[in-house]
Amino acid sequence: MTLPSLLAVFAHPDDESLSSGGVLARHAAQGARTAVVTATWTPDTRRGAELAEALRILGAGEPRMLGYADARVPSSAPGSPRLCEAPLDEAVGRLVAHIRQFRPEIVVTHDAYGGLTGHPDHVHTHRVTTLAVEAAGLERLYPHAGAPWQPSALYLATHPHSALAALNELARAGKGMNTVPDEWVTTTVDVSPWLERKWAAVLAHRAEVERGTSAPGLLAGFPEAVRDGILATEWYIRRDLPGLSSRVER
């Protein structure tokens, strides 16, 4: 059975591979349409090129980028505002256009914490995405962004409290540990069959691997067993939307 089409929306190049690389690879391998929207950086930067390589590995097509600057790296999008400082209505409208163009059955993004680290761009991407998935189905909102399209569900990439033991090495490295109660998690995916592809996609983000203190760099320095324990499971919180819910796998 073909899995539902999936559009992932994340803040930075590498977030898609770290947070949902396994699910993206799984859906693509089983014939589903997949794509990724990245809120910050631009295609003509090194990280934009690395994103293109990671998406090729995951089978997620060409980069789709909103074109805003990373909160901590203004040179990531010269001449553009930082994501968190851009007009909210403008950012939502840009994402609505991608949703209506791709017409996904499900959308995936950061949870309300912005994932483990709580990076401000992650948190804001969550806000923009939650607004855009509802606005995309309303014909009077953003009428110039294409014909209305309502996804069936929004999945928030997250980590439950019970995963803290596996994340211990990241915590020791000083990474934030924003986890949610286990009962909030609605979907747990064992992505170990796609782990090799997921890890290859993470490594494609070479600038972050070389930086060393970022998640890709830290993971590259861990023993394989520790790294696999961190990456082999993906957790999500599902939010149902008034779309084609019968087509979405629970």
Foldseek 3Di string as FASTA:
>chain_A
DQAFEEEEEEAFQLCCLQQPLLVLLVNVVRPHAAAYEYEWADCPDPSNVLSQVLCVLSVHDHYHYNQAHDPVGCVSRPPHHHPVPDPLLSLLLSVLLVCQVVQTQEYEAADCCLEQQSRVSRNVSVVSVVVNLVQQQDCVRNVVSHGRHHHFKYKHWFAAPVLCVLCVLVVVLVGGGDHHHPVQWDDKDQSVVCVVSSLVSSVSSVVQLVVLSHPSVVLVPDPPVSSCSSRRMITIGMDGDPHPNVSHDD
